[in-house]
Amino acid sequence: MTRALLSFGHRNCFPKQTAAQVTLKAISAHFDDSSGSSLKNVYFLLFDSESIGIYVQEMAKLDTK
């Protein structure tokens, strides 16, 4: 199963960095807790290069943990 997620920090309604941290932490926790999950791919719908950079930066932090 694949899911696409719209970042809830888009359009300056919520801090982009916080949105990325919350989203990635929730997805990471799901995969840590659900080894039998049918969810295999997650795509992020990001609308600007700043958001992309923030998500890349936050994902790199997860990789080091």
C-alpha atoms as a PDB file:
ATOM      1  CA  MET A   1       0.000   0.000   0.000  1.00  0.00           C
ATOM      2  CA  THR A   2       1.152   3.522  -0.783  1.00  0.00           C
ATOM      3  CA  ARG A   3       0.026   6.816   0.755  1.00  0.00           C
ATOM      4  CA  ALA A   4       0.655  10.399  -0.307  1.00  0.00           C
ATOM      5  CA  LEU A   5       0.651  13.053   2.407  1.00  0.00           C
ATOM      6  CA  LEU A   6       0.153  16.766   2.033  1.00  0.00           C
ATOM      7  CA  SER A   7       2.385  18.630   4.438  1.00  0.00           C
ATOM      8  CA  PHE A   8       0.166  20.437   6.920  1.00  0.00           C
ATOM      9  CA  GLY A   9       2.789  23.175   7.210  1.00  0.00           C
ATOM     10  CA  HIS A  10       2.259  24.460   3.691  1.00  0.00           C
ATOM     11  CA  ARG A  11       1.030  27.987   2.950  1.00  0.00           C
ATOM     12  CA  ASN A  12       2.527  29.405   6.160  1.00  0.00           C
ATOM     13  CA  CYS A  13      -0.368  28.105   8.283  1.00  0.00           C
ATOM     14  CA  PHE A  14       1.966  26.161  10.581  1.00  0.00           C
ATOM     15  CA  PRO A  15       5.761  26.248  10.984  1.00  0.00           C
ATOM     16  CA  LYS A  16       7.221  24.060   8.237  1.00  0.00           C
ATOM     17  CA  GLN A  17       9.995  22.623  10.382  1.00  0.00           C
ATOM     18  CA  THR A  18       7.588  21.642  13.144  1.00  0.00           C
ATOM     19  CA  ALA A  19       5.212  20.105  10.594  1.00  0.00           C
ATOM     20  CA  ALA A  20       8.052  18.033   9.138  1.00  0.00           C
ATOM     21  CA  GLN A  21       9.214  16.886  12.571  1.00  0.00           C
ATOM     22  CA  VAL A  22       5.712  15.856  13.689  1.00  0.00           C
ATOM     23  CA  THR A  23       4.919  14.111  10.401  1.00  0.00           C
ATOM     24  CA  LEU A  24       8.193  12.207  10.185  1.00  0.00           C
ATOM     25  CA  LYS A  25       8.104  11.219  13.859  1.00  0.00           C
ATOM     26  CA  ALA A  26       4.584   9.797  13.415  1.00  0.00           C
ATOM     27  CA  ILE A  27       5.545   7.854  10.297  1.00  0.00           C
ATOM     28  CA  SER A  28       8.705   6.553  11.946  1.00  0.00           C
ATOM     29  CA  ALA A  29       6.731   5.446  15.006  1.00  0.00           C
ATOM     30  CA  HIS A  30       4.207   3.676  12.784  1.00  0.00           C
ATOM     31  CA  PHE A  31       6.906   1.644  11.068  1.00  0.00           C
ATOM     32  CA  ASP A  32       8.662   0.926  14.382  1.00  0.00           C
ATOM     33  CA  ASP A  33       5.417  -0.348  15.934  1.00  0.00           C
ATOM     34  CA  SER A  34       3.830  -2.044  12.915  1.00  0.00           C
ATOM     35  CA  SER A  35       6.230  -4.511  11.367  1.00  0.00           C
ATOM     36  CA  GLY A  36       3.258  -6.263   9.764  1.00  0.00           C
ATOM     37  CA  SER A  37       1.883  -3.081   8.193  1.00  0.00           C
ATOM     38  CA  SER A  38       0.841  -3.219   4.562  1.00  0.00           C
ATOM     39  CA  LEU A  39       2.053   0.372   4.167  1.00  0.00           C
ATOM     40  CA  LYS A  40       5.236   0.224   2.103  1.00  0.00           C
ATOM     41  CA  ASN A  41       5.646   3.674   0.511  1.00  0.00           C
ATOM     42  CA  VAL A  42       4.953   7.200   1.711  1.00  0.00           C
ATOM     43  CA  TYR A  43       5.162  10.177  -0.624  1.00  0.00           C
ATOM     44  CA  PHE A  44       5.181  13.776   0.564  1.00  0.00           C
ATOM     45  CA  LEU A  45       3.435  16.494  -1.427  1.00  0.00           C
ATOM     46  CA  LEU A  46       5.623  19.559  -0.954  1.00  0.00           C
ATOM     47  CA  PHE A  47       5.121  22.774  -2.864  1.00  0.00           C
ATOM     48  CA  ASP A  48       8.391  24.671  -2.547  1.00  0.00           C
ATOM     49  CA  SER A  49      12.116  24.108  -2.324  1.00  0.00           C
ATOM     50  CA  GLU A  50      12.233  25.342   1.277  1.00  0.00           C
ATOM     51  CA  SER A  51       9.821  22.588   2.377  1.00  0.00           C
ATOM     52  CA  ILE A  52      11.769  19.968   0.446  1.00  0.00           C
ATOM     53  CA  GLY A  53      14.983  21.075   2.139  1.00  0.00           C
ATOM     54  CA  ILE A  54      13.373  20.944   5.571  1.00  0.00           C
ATOM     55  CA  TYR A  55      12.032  17.419   5.010  1.00  0.00           C
ATOM     56  CA  VAL A  56      15.403  16.235   3.706  1.00  0.00           C
ATOM     57  CA  GLN A  57      17.133  17.758   6.749  1.00  0.00           C
ATOM     58  CA  GLU A  58      14.661  16.198   9.185  1.00  0.00           C
ATOM     59  CA  MET A  59      14.836  12.773   7.484  1.00  0.00           C
ATOM     60  CA  ALA A  60      18.625  12.882   7.778  1.00  0.00           C
ATOM     61  CA  LYS A  61      18.246  13.401  11.534  1.00  0.00           C
ATOM     62  CA  LEU A  62      16.085  10.262  11.725  1.00  0.00           C
ATOM     63  CA  ASP A  63      18.743   8.284   9.840  1.00  0.00           C
ATOM     64  CA  THR A  64      21.322   9.071  12.527  1.00  0.00           C
ATOM     65  CA  LYS A  65      19.147   7.767  15.376  1.00  0.00           C
END
